[in-house]
Amino acid sequence: GSCAQGDKFWAIMKDSHIGAFGVIGLVMGLGGQILFAGQ
């Protein structure tokens, strides 16, 4: 989601803090699995 390239991309990947796109990903992924598994 950062659109970073190279070293900046890997630095964001290794950062232990979560950003807005990480939260969006978790909401979509966890929400999808909860919905699909329940059905």
Full PDB file with SEQRES, HELIX, SHEET, SSBOND, CRYST1, ORIGX, SCALE, CONECT and MASTER records, all heavy atoms in Angstrom:
SEQRES   1 A   39  GLY SER CYS ALA GLN GLY ASP LYS PHE TRP ALA ILE MET          
SEQRES   2 A   39  LYS ASP SER HIS ILE GLY ALA PHE GLY VAL ILE GLY LEU          
SEQRES   3 A   39  VAL MET GLY LEU GLY GLY GLN ILE LEU PHE ALA GLY GLN          
HELIX    1 AA1 ASP A    7  LYS A   14  1                                   8    
HELIX    2 AA2 ALA A   20  GLY A   38  1                                  19    
CRYST1    1.000    1.000    1.000  90.00  90.00  90.00 P 1           1          
ORIGX1      1.000000  0.000000  0.000000        0.00000                         
ORIGX2      0.000000  1.000000  0.000000        0.00000                         
ORIGX3      0.000000  0.000000  1.000000        0.00000                         
SCALE1      1.000000  0.000000  0.000000        0.00000                         
SCALE2      0.000000  1.000000  0.000000        0.00000                         
SCALE3      0.000000  0.000000  1.000000        0.00000                         
ATOM      1  N   GLY A   1       0.799  -1.220   0.000  1.00  0.00           N  
ATOM      2  CA  GLY A   1       0.000   0.000   0.000  1.00  0.00           C  
ATOM      3  C   GLY A   1       0.828   1.264   0.000  1.00  0.00           C  
ATOM      4  O   GLY A   1       0.367   2.327  -0.436  1.00  0.00           O  
ATOM      5  N   SER A   2       2.069   1.179   0.454  1.00  0.00           N  
ATOM      6  CA  SER A   2       2.936   2.359   0.502  1.00  0.00           C  
ATOM      7  C   SER A   2       3.439   2.775  -0.876  1.00  0.00           C  
ATOM      8  O   SER A   2       3.932   3.901  -1.046  1.00  0.00           O  
ATOM      9  CB  SER A   2       4.143   2.071   1.393  1.00  0.00           C  
ATOM     10  OG  SER A   2       5.025   1.144   0.758  1.00  0.00           O  
ATOM     11  N   CYS A   3       3.352   1.852  -1.849  1.00  0.00           N  
ATOM     12  CA  CYS A   3       3.894   2.079  -3.206  1.00  0.00           C  
ATOM     13  C   CYS A   3       5.406   2.309  -3.184  1.00  0.00           C  
ATOM     14  O   CYS A   3       5.971   2.873  -4.134  1.00  0.00           O  
ATOM     15  CB  CYS A   3       3.204   3.266  -3.886  1.00  0.00           C  
ATOM     16  SG  CYS A   3       1.443   3.006  -4.171  1.00  0.00           S  
ATOM     17  N   ALA A   4       6.066   1.901  -2.097  1.00  0.00           N  
ATOM     18  CA  ALA A   4       7.515   2.065  -1.985  1.00  0.00           C  
ATOM     19  C   ALA A   4       8.226   1.049  -2.867  1.00  0.00           C  
ATOM     20  O   ALA A   4       7.664   0.018  -3.263  1.00  0.00           O  
ATOM     21  CB  ALA A   4       7.946   1.895  -0.533  1.00  0.00           C  
ATOM     22  N   GLN A   5       9.491   1.345  -3.142  1.00  0.00           N  
ATOM     23  CA  GLN A   5      10.312   0.469  -3.971  1.00  0.00           C  
ATOM     24  C   GLN A   5      11.629   0.176  -3.250  1.00  0.00           C  
ATOM     25  O   GLN A   5      12.115   0.977  -2.453  1.00  0.00           O  
ATOM     26  CB  GLN A   5      10.609   1.119  -5.325  1.00  0.00           C  
ATOM     27  CG  GLN A   5       9.380   1.370  -6.194  1.00  0.00           C  
ATOM     28  CD  GLN A   5       8.747   0.088  -6.703  1.00  0.00           C  
ATOM     29  OE1 GLN A   5       9.440  -0.855  -7.064  1.00  0.00           O  
ATOM     30  NE2 GLN A   5       7.425   0.044  -6.721  1.00  0.00           N  
ATOM     31  N   GLY A   6      12.210  -0.982  -3.553  1.00  0.00           N  
ATOM     32  CA  GLY A   6      13.539  -1.300  -3.073  1.00  0.00           C  
ATOM     33  C   GLY A   6      13.660  -1.372  -1.559  1.00  0.00           C  
ATOM     34  O   GLY A   6      12.834  -1.963  -0.876  1.00  0.00           O  
ATOM     35  N   ASP A   7      14.717  -0.735  -1.043  1.00  0.00           N  
ATOM     36  CA  ASP A   7      14.998  -0.808   0.393  1.00  0.00           C  
ATOM     37  C   ASP A   7      13.860  -0.268   1.235  1.00  0.00           C  
ATOM     38  O   ASP A   7      13.601  -0.777   2.340  1.00  0.00           O  
ATOM     39  CB  ASP A   7      16.279  -0.035   0.711  1.00  0.00           C  
ATOM     40  CG  ASP A   7      17.516  -0.705   0.142  1.00  0.00           C  
ATOM     41  OD1 ASP A   7      17.437  -1.906  -0.193  1.00  0.00           O  
ATOM     42  OD2 ASP A   7      18.563  -0.027   0.034  1.00  0.00           O  
ATOM     43  N   LYS A   8      13.173   0.763   0.756  1.00  0.00           N  
ATOM     44  CA  LYS A   8      12.051   1.338   1.500  1.00  0.00           C  
ATOM     45  C   LYS A   8      10.921   0.324   1.641  1.00  0.00           C  
ATOM     46  O   LYS A   8      10.300   0.212   2.703  1.00  0.00           O  
ATOM     47  CB  LYS A   8      11.547   2.597   0.788  1.00  0.00           C  
ATOM     48  CG  LYS A   8      10.388   3.292   1.487  1.00  0.00           C  
ATOM     49  CD  LYS A   8      10.779   3.843   2.848  1.00  0.00           C  
ATOM     50  CE  LYS A   8       9.655   4.673   3.454  1.00  0.00           C  
ATOM     51  NZ  LYS A   8       9.983   5.127   4.816  1.00  0.00           N  
ATOM     52  N   PHE A   9      10.658  -0.428   0.586  1.00  0.00           N  
ATOM     53  CA  PHE A   9       9.630  -1.476   0.626  1.00  0.00           C  
ATOM     54  C   PHE A   9       9.958  -2.495   1.713  1.00  0.00           C  
ATOM     55  O   PHE A   9       9.113  -2.843   2.538  1.00  0.00           O  
ATOM     56  CB  PHE A   9       9.553  -2.168  -0.739  1.00  0.00           C  
ATOM     57  CG  PHE A   9       8.593  -3.331  -0.796  1.00  0.00           C  
ATOM     58  CD1 PHE A   9       7.271  -3.130  -1.143  1.00  0.00           C  
ATOM     59  CD2 PHE A   9       9.021  -4.627  -0.512  1.00  0.00           C  
ATOM     60  CE1 PHE A   9       6.381  -4.205  -1.207  1.00  0.00           C  
ATOM     61  CE2 PHE A   9       8.143  -5.702  -0.563  1.00  0.00           C  
ATOM     62  CZ  PHE A   9       6.824  -5.486  -0.910  1.00  0.00           C  
ATOM     63  N   TRP A  10      11.218  -2.963   1.742  1.00  0.00           N  
ATOM     64  CA  TRP A  10      11.605  -3.983   2.713  1.00  0.00           C  
ATOM     65  C   TRP A  10      11.652  -3.429   4.122  1.00  0.00           C  
ATOM     66  O   TRP A  10      11.361  -4.144   5.090  1.00  0.00           O  
ATOM     67  CB  TRP A  10      12.941  -4.600   2.319  1.00  0.00           C  
ATOM     68  CG  TRP A  10      12.855  -5.338   1.018  1.00  0.00           C  
ATOM     69  CD1 TRP A  10      13.381  -4.970  -0.179  1.00  0.00           C  
ATOM     70  CD2 TRP A  10      12.145  -6.562   0.782  1.00  0.00           C  
ATOM     71  NE1 TRP A  10      13.054  -5.883  -1.151  1.00  0.00           N  
ATOM     72  CE2 TRP A  10      12.294  -6.873  -0.583  1.00  0.00           C  
ATOM     73  CE3 TRP A  10      11.413  -7.426   1.588  1.00  0.00           C  
ATOM     74  CZ2 TRP A  10      11.745  -8.005  -1.161  1.00  0.00           C  
ATOM     75  CZ3 TRP A  10      10.853  -8.552   1.019  1.00  0.00           C  
ATOM     76  CH2 TRP A  10      11.018  -8.845  -0.338  1.00  0.00           C  
ATOM     77  N   ALA A  11      11.977  -2.149   4.264  1.00  0.00           N  
ATOM     78  CA  ALA A  11      11.977  -1.527   5.593  1.00  0.00           C  
ATOM     79  C   ALA A  11      10.560  -1.482   6.156  1.00  0.00           C  
ATOM     80  O   ALA A  11      10.335  -1.747   7.347  1.00  0.00           O  
ATOM     81  CB  ALA A  11      12.562  -0.121   5.511  1.00  0.00           C  
ATOM     82  N   ILE A  12       9.591  -1.138   5.309  1.00  0.00           N  
ATOM     83  CA  ILE A  12       8.189  -1.113   5.751  1.00  0.00           C  
ATOM     84  C   ILE A  12       7.730  -2.528   6.090  1.00  0.00           C  
ATOM     85  O   ILE A  12       7.024  -2.757   7.089  1.00  0.00           O  
ATOM     86  CB  ILE A  12       7.299  -0.493   4.653  1.00  0.00           C  
ATOM     87  CG1 ILE A  12       7.639   0.981   4.470  1.00  0.00           C  
ATOM     88  CG2 ILE A  12       5.817  -0.661   4.998  1.00  0.00           C  
ATOM     89  CD1 ILE A  12       6.966   1.625   3.281  1.00  0.00           C  
ATOM     90  N   MET A  13       8.139  -3.499   5.288  1.00  0.00           N  
ATOM     91  CA  MET A  13       7.758  -4.890   5.527  1.00  0.00           C  
ATOM     92  C   MET A  13       8.249  -5.372   6.891  1.00  0.00           C  
ATOM     93  O   MET A  13       7.550  -6.102   7.601  1.00  0.00           O  
ATOM     94  CB  MET A  13       8.351  -5.778   4.424  1.00  0.00           C  
ATOM     95  CG  MET A  13       7.940  -7.220   4.510  1.00  0.00           C  
ATOM     96  SD  MET A  13       6.468  -7.601   3.570  1.00  0.00           S  
ATOM     97  CE  MET A  13       7.152  -7.775   1.936  1.00  0.00           C  
ATOM     98  N   LYS A  14       9.439  -4.951   7.289  1.00  0.00           N  
ATOM     99  CA  LYS A  14      10.029  -5.422   8.539  1.00  0.00           C  
ATOM    100  C   LYS A  14       9.649  -4.573   9.752  1.00  0.00           C  
ATOM    101  O   LYS A  14       9.961  -4.944  10.882  1.00  0.00           O  
ATOM    102  CB  LYS A  14      11.556  -5.461   8.390  1.00  0.00           C  
ATOM    103  CG  LYS A  14      12.047  -6.507   7.403  1.00  0.00           C  
ATOM    104  CD  LYS A  14      13.554  -6.495   7.291  1.00  0.00           C  
ATOM    105  CE  LYS A  14      14.029  -7.580   6.342  1.00  0.00           C  
ATOM    106  NZ  LYS A  14      13.666  -8.931   6.818  1.00  0.00           N  
ATOM    107  N   ASP A  15       8.987  -3.443   9.530  1.00  0.00           N  
ATOM    108  CA  ASP A  15       8.583  -2.574  10.637  1.00  0.00           C  
ATOM    109  C   ASP A  15       7.546  -3.290  11.495  1.00  0.00           C  
ATOM    110  O   ASP A  15       6.536  -3.777  10.988  1.00  0.00           O  
ATOM    111  CB  ASP A  15       8.004  -1.276  10.070  1.00  0.00           C  
ATOM    112  CG  ASP A  15       7.798  -0.210  11.142  1.00  0.00           C  
ATOM    113  OD1 ASP A  15       7.777  -0.557  12.338  1.00  0.00           O  
ATOM    114  OD2 ASP A  15       7.643   0.968  10.784  1.00  0.00           O  
ATOM    115  N   SER A  16       7.788  -3.350  12.798  1.00  0.00           N  
ATOM    116  CA  SER A  16       6.865  -4.056  13.695  1.00  0.00           C  
ATOM    117  C   SER A  16       5.558  -3.297  13.915  1.00  0.00           C  
ATOM    118  O   SER A  16       4.587  -3.862  14.428  1.00  0.00           O  
ATOM    119  CB  SER A  16       7.540  -4.316  15.046  1.00  0.00           C  
ATOM    120  OG  SER A  16       7.919  -3.090  15.661  1.00  0.00           O  
ATOM    121  N   HIS A  17       5.523  -2.013  13.552  1.00  0.00           N  
ATOM    122  CA  HIS A  17       4.290  -1.236  13.688  1.00  0.00           C  
ATOM    123  C   HIS A  17       3.390  -1.468  12.482  1.00  0.00           C  
ATOM    124  O   HIS A  17       3.866  -1.622  11.355  1.00  0.00           O  
ATOM    125  CB  HIS A  17       4.609   0.260  13.804  1.00  0.00           C  
ATOM    126  CG  HIS A  17       5.448   0.604  14.989  1.00  0.00           C  
ATOM    127  ND1 HIS A  17       6.829   0.605  14.944  1.00  0.00           N  
ATOM    128  CD2 HIS A  17       5.116   0.926  16.265  1.00  0.00           C  
ATOM    129  CE1 HIS A  17       7.310   0.943  16.132  1.00  0.00           C  
ATOM    130  NE2 HIS A  17       6.295   1.123  16.955  1.00  0.00           N  
ATOM    131  N   ILE A  18       2.094  -1.478  12.717  1.00  0.00           N  
ATOM    132  CA  ILE A  18       1.148  -1.673  11.625  1.00  0.00           C  
ATOM    133  C   ILE A  18       0.613  -0.329  11.145  1.00  0.00           C  
ATOM    134  O   ILE A  18       0.396   0.585  11.943  1.00  0.00           O  
ATOM    135  CB  ILE A  18      -0.016  -2.604  12.054  1.00  0.00           C  
ATOM    136  CG1 ILE A  18      -0.857  -3.004  10.842  1.00  0.00           C  
ATOM    137  CG2 ILE A  18      -0.879  -1.947  13.133  1.00  0.00           C  
ATOM    138  CD1 ILE A  18      -1.835  -4.125  11.148  1.00  0.00           C  
ATOM    139  N   GLY A  19       0.431  -0.228   9.842  1.00  0.00           N  
ATOM    140  CA  GLY A  19      -0.097   0.995   9.254  1.00  0.00           C  
ATOM    141  C   GLY A  19      -1.523   0.815   8.784  1.00  0.00           C  
ATOM    142  O   GLY A  19      -2.145  -0.227   8.985  1.00  0.00           O  
ATOM    143  N   ALA A  20      -2.039   1.837   8.112  1.00  0.00           N  
ATOM    144  CA  ALA A  20      -3.433   1.824   7.672  1.00  0.00           C  
ATOM    145  C   ALA A  20      -3.720   0.680   6.706  1.00  0.00           C  
ATOM    146  O   ALA A  20      -4.752   0.003   6.809  1.00  0.00           O  
ATOM    147  CB  ALA A  20      -3.772   3.160   7.011  1.00  0.00           C  
ATOM    148  N   PHE A  21      -2.797   0.426   5.775  1.00  0.00           N  
ATOM    149  CA  PHE A  21      -3.044  -0.643   4.802  1.00  0.00           C  
ATOM    150  C   PHE A  21      -2.988  -2.016   5.455  1.00  0.00           C  
ATOM    151  O   PHE A  21      -3.711  -2.927   5.052  1.00  0.00           O  
ATOM    152  CB  PHE A  21      -2.040  -0.544   3.647  1.00  0.00           C  
ATOM    153  CG  PHE A  21      -2.315   0.603   2.722  1.00  0.00           C  
ATOM    154  CD1 PHE A  21      -1.581   1.776   2.817  1.00  0.00           C  
ATOM    155  CD2 PHE A  21      -3.321   0.519   1.773  1.00  0.00           C  
ATOM    156  CE1 PHE A  21      -1.833   2.841   1.967  1.00  0.00           C  
ATOM    157  CE2 PHE A  21      -3.584   1.577   0.921  1.00  0.00           C  
ATOM    158  CZ  PHE A  21      -2.844   2.751   1.015  1.00  0.00           C  
ATOM    159  N   GLY A  22      -2.130  -2.171   6.461  1.00  0.00           N  
ATOM    160  CA  GLY A  22      -2.101  -3.422   7.196  1.00  0.00           C  
ATOM    161  C   GLY A  22      -3.410  -3.677   7.926  1.00  0.00           C  
ATOM    162  O   GLY A  22      -3.913  -4.802   7.955  1.00  0.00           O  
ATOM    163  N   VAL A  23      -3.975  -2.624   8.513  1.00  0.00           N  
ATOM    164  CA  VAL A  23      -5.269  -2.743   9.195  1.00  0.00           C  
ATOM    165  C   VAL A  23      -6.358  -3.109   8.200  1.00  0.00           C  
ATOM    166  O   VAL A  23      -7.193  -3.992   8.460  1.00  0.00           O  
ATOM    167  CB  VAL A  23      -5.622  -1.436   9.930  1.00  0.00           C  
ATOM    168  CG1 VAL A  23      -7.048  -1.498  10.478  1.00  0.00           C  
ATOM    169  CG2 VAL A  23      -4.629  -1.177  11.058  1.00  0.00           C  
ATOM    170  N   ILE A  24      -6.365  -2.439   7.049  1.00  0.00           N  
ATOM    171  CA  ILE A  24      -7.355  -2.752   6.011  1.00  0.00           C  
ATOM    172  C   ILE A  24      -7.231  -4.218   5.587  1.00  0.00           C  
ATOM    173  O   ILE A  24      -8.242  -4.926   5.447  1.00  0.00           O  
ATOM    174  CB  ILE A  24      -7.175  -1.818   4.802  1.00  0.00           C  
ATOM    175  CG1 ILE A  24      -7.562  -0.390   5.172  1.00  0.00           C  
ATOM    176  CG2 ILE A  24      -8.017  -2.299   3.615  1.00  0.00           C  
ATOM    177  CD1 ILE A  24      -7.173   0.638   4.130  1.00  0.00           C  
ATOM    178  N   GLY A  25      -5.993  -4.669   5.391  1.00  0.00           N  
ATOM    179  CA  GLY A  25      -5.787  -6.057   5.003  1.00  0.00           C  
ATOM    180  C   GLY A  25      -6.304  -7.040   6.033  1.00  0.00           C  
ATOM    181  O   GLY A  25      -6.936  -8.047   5.699  1.00  0.00           O  
ATOM    182  N   LEU A  26      -6.041  -6.754   7.317  1.00  0.00           N  
ATOM    183  CA  LEU A  26      -6.528  -7.641   8.372  1.00  0.00           C  
ATOM    184  C   LEU A  26      -8.053  -7.651   8.450  1.00  0.00           C  
ATOM    185  O   LEU A  26      -8.670  -8.707   8.617  1.00  0.00           O  
ATOM    186  CB  LEU A  26      -5.940  -7.223   9.721  1.00  0.00           C  
ATOM    187  CG  LEU A  26      -4.468  -7.558   9.953  1.00  0.00           C  
ATOM    188  CD1 LEU A  26      -4.004  -7.021  11.296  1.00  0.00           C  
ATOM    189  CD2 LEU A  26      -4.237  -9.072   9.898  1.00  0.00           C  
ATOM    190  N   VAL A  27      -8.653  -6.475   8.312  1.00  0.00           N  
ATOM    191  CA  VAL A  27     -10.118  -6.399   8.352  1.00  0.00           C  
ATOM    192  C   VAL A  27     -10.724  -7.210   7.210  1.00  0.00           C  
ATOM    193  O   VAL A  27     -11.659  -7.998   7.404  1.00  0.00           O  
ATOM    194  CB  VAL A  27     -10.588  -4.931   8.302  1.00  0.00           C  
ATOM    195  CG1 VAL A  27     -12.102  -4.860   8.082  1.00  0.00           C  
ATOM    196  CG2 VAL A  27     -10.216  -4.205   9.588  1.00  0.00           C  
ATOM    197  N   MET A  28     -10.177  -7.014   6.006  1.00  0.00           N  
ATOM    198  CA  MET A  28     -10.708  -7.733   4.853  1.00  0.00           C  
ATOM    199  C   MET A  28     -10.454  -9.235   4.967  1.00  0.00           C  
ATOM    200  O   MET A  28     -11.344 -10.052   4.699  1.00  0.00           O  
ATOM    201  CB  MET A  28     -10.066  -7.189   3.578  1.00  0.00           C  
ATOM    202  CG  MET A  28     -10.439  -5.754   3.245  1.00  0.00           C  
ATOM    203  SD  MET A  28     -12.220  -5.561   2.913  1.00  0.00           S  
ATOM    204  CE  MET A  28     -12.366  -6.491   1.386  1.00  0.00           C  
ATOM    205  N   GLY A  29      -9.245  -9.608   5.364  1.00  0.00           N  
ATOM    206  CA  GLY A  29      -8.919 -11.022   5.440  1.00  0.00           C  
ATOM    207  C   GLY A  29      -9.643 -11.747   6.560  1.00  0.00           C  
ATOM    208  O   GLY A  29     -10.265 -12.794   6.347  1.00  0.00           O  
ATOM    209  N   LEU A  30      -9.580 -11.191   7.762  1.00  0.00           N  
ATOM    210  CA  LEU A  30     -10.255 -11.816   8.896  1.00  0.00           C  
ATOM    211  C   LEU A  30     -11.767 -11.799   8.719  1.00  0.00           C  
ATOM    212  O   LEU A  30     -12.449 -12.784   9.010  1.00  0.00           O  
ATOM    213  CB  LEU A  30      -9.875 -11.102  10.194  1.00  0.00           C  
ATOM    214  CG  LEU A  30      -8.436 -11.312  10.681  1.00  0.00           C  
ATOM    215  CD1 LEU A  30      -8.094 -10.326  11.794  1.00  0.00           C  
ATOM    216  CD2 LEU A  30      -8.228 -12.741  11.158  1.00  0.00           C  
ATOM    217  N   GLY A  31     -12.273 -10.657   8.238  1.00  0.00           N  
ATOM    218  CA  GLY A  31     -13.716 -10.569   8.002  1.00  0.00           C  
ATOM    219  C   GLY A  31     -14.173 -11.582   6.979  1.00  0.00           C  
ATOM    220  O   GLY A  31     -15.221 -12.230   7.138  1.00  0.00           O  
ATOM    221  N   GLY A  32     -13.386 -11.738   5.912  1.00  0.00           N  
ATOM    222  CA  GLY A  32     -13.739 -12.719   4.891  1.00  0.00           C  
ATOM    223  C   GLY A  32     -13.738 -14.131   5.437  1.00  0.00           C  
ATOM    224  O   GLY A  32     -14.668 -14.907   5.183  1.00  0.00           O  
ATOM    225  N   GLN A  33     -12.729 -14.483   6.209  1.00  0.00           N  
ATOM    226  CA  GLN A  33     -12.674 -15.843   6.742  1.00  0.00           C  
ATOM    227  C   GLN A  33     -13.798 -16.109   7.741  1.00  0.00           C  
ATOM    228  O   GLN A  33     -14.369 -17.205   7.765  1.00  0.00           O  
ATOM    229  CB  GLN A  33     -11.309 -16.100   7.387  1.00  0.00           C  
ATOM    230  CG  GLN A  33     -10.200 -16.319   6.385  1.00  0.00           C  
ATOM    231  CD  GLN A  33      -9.060 -17.138   6.935  1.00  0.00           C  
ATOM    232  OE1 GLN A  33      -9.034 -17.508   8.109  1.00  0.00           O  
ATOM    233  NE2 GLN A  33      -8.090 -17.438   6.090  1.00  0.00           N  
ATOM    234  N   ILE A  34     -14.106 -15.124   8.578  1.00  0.00           N  
ATOM    235  CA  ILE A  34     -15.216 -15.301   9.527  1.00  0.00           C  
ATOM    236  C   ILE A  34     -16.527 -15.515   8.780  1.00  0.00           C  
ATOM    237  O   ILE A  34     -17.311 -16.423   9.101  1.00  0.00           O  
ATOM    238  CB  ILE A  34     -15.320 -14.075  10.465  1.00  0.00           C  
ATOM    239  CG1 ILE A  34     -14.127 -14.047  11.421  1.00  0.00           C  
ATOM    240  CG2 ILE A  34     -16.629 -14.101  11.259  1.00  0.00           C  
ATOM    241  CD1 ILE A  34     -14.002 -12.756  12.208  1.00  0.00           C  
ATOM    242  N   LEU A  35     -16.765 -14.693   7.769  1.00  0.00           N  
ATOM    243  CA  LEU A  35     -17.997 -14.807   6.972  1.00  0.00           C  
ATOM    244  C   LEU A  35     -18.056 -16.141   6.237  1.00  0.00           C  
ATOM    245  O   LEU A  35     -19.060 -16.860   6.292  1.00  0.00           O  
ATOM    246  CB  LEU A  35     -18.073 -13.644   5.987  1.00  0.00           C  
ATOM    247  CG  LEU A  35     -19.259 -13.640   5.015  1.00  0.00           C  
ATOM    248  CD1 LEU A  35     -20.576 -13.510   5.774  1.00  0.00           C  
ATOM    249  CD2 LEU A  35     -19.103 -12.510   4.003  1.00  0.00           C  
ATOM    250  N   PHE A  36     -16.968 -16.484   5.539  1.00  0.00           N  
ATOM    251  CA  PHE A  36     -16.960 -17.709   4.733  1.00  0.00           C  
ATOM    252  C   PHE A  36     -17.051 -18.952   5.621  1.00  0.00           C  
ATOM    253  O   PHE A  36     -17.803 -19.883   5.317  1.00  0.00           O  
ATOM    254  CB  PHE A  36     -15.680 -17.782   3.894  1.00  0.00           C  
ATOM    255  CG  PHE A  36     -15.516 -16.669   2.901  1.00  0.00           C  
ATOM    256  CD1 PHE A  36     -14.277 -16.391   2.352  1.00  0.00           C  
ATOM    257  CD2 PHE A  36     -16.591 -15.881   2.512  1.00  0.00           C  
ATOM    258  CE1 PHE A  36     -14.100 -15.368   1.434  1.00  0.00           C  
ATOM    259  CE2 PHE A  36     -16.439 -14.845   1.595  1.00  0.00           C  
ATOM    260  CZ  PHE A  36     -15.191 -14.584   1.057  1.00  0.00           C  
ATOM    261  N   ALA A  37     -16.280 -18.968   6.716  1.00  0.00           N  
ATOM    262  CA  ALA A  37     -16.300 -20.132   7.600  1.00  0.00           C  
ATOM    263  C   ALA A  37     -17.673 -20.316   8.236  1.00  0.00           C  
ATOM    264  O   ALA A  37     -18.174 -21.440   8.354  1.00  0.00           O  
ATOM    265  CB  ALA A  37     -15.231 -19.997   8.678  1.00  0.00           C  
ATOM    266  N   GLY A  38     -18.290 -19.205   8.645  1.00  0.00           N  
ATOM    267  CA  GLY A  38     -19.619 -19.288   9.235  1.00  0.00           C  
ATOM    268  C   GLY A  38     -20.632 -19.872   8.281  1.00  0.00           C  
ATOM    269  O   GLY A  38     -21.491 -20.677   8.670  1.00  0.00           O  
ATOM    270  N   GLN A  39     -20.553 -19.478   7.006  1.00  0.00           N  
ATOM    271  CA  GLN A  39     -21.475 -20.007   5.998  1.00  0.00           C  
ATOM    272  C   GLN A  39     -21.188 -21.478   5.701  1.00  0.00           C  
ATOM    273  O   GLN A  39     -22.106 -22.289   5.572  1.00  0.00           O  
ATOM    274  CB  GLN A  39     -21.357 -19.191   4.712  1.00  0.00           C  
ATOM    275  CG  GLN A  39     -21.909 -17.776   4.817  1.00  0.00           C  
ATOM    276  CD  GLN A  39     -23.412 -17.767   5.076  1.00  0.00           C  
ATOM    277  OE1 GLN A  39     -24.175 -18.446   4.401  1.00  0.00           O  
ATOM    278  NE2 GLN A  39     -23.826 -17.012   6.080  1.00  0.00           N  
TER     279      GLN A  39                                                      
MASTER        0    0    0    2    0    0    0    6  278    1    0    3          
END                                                                             
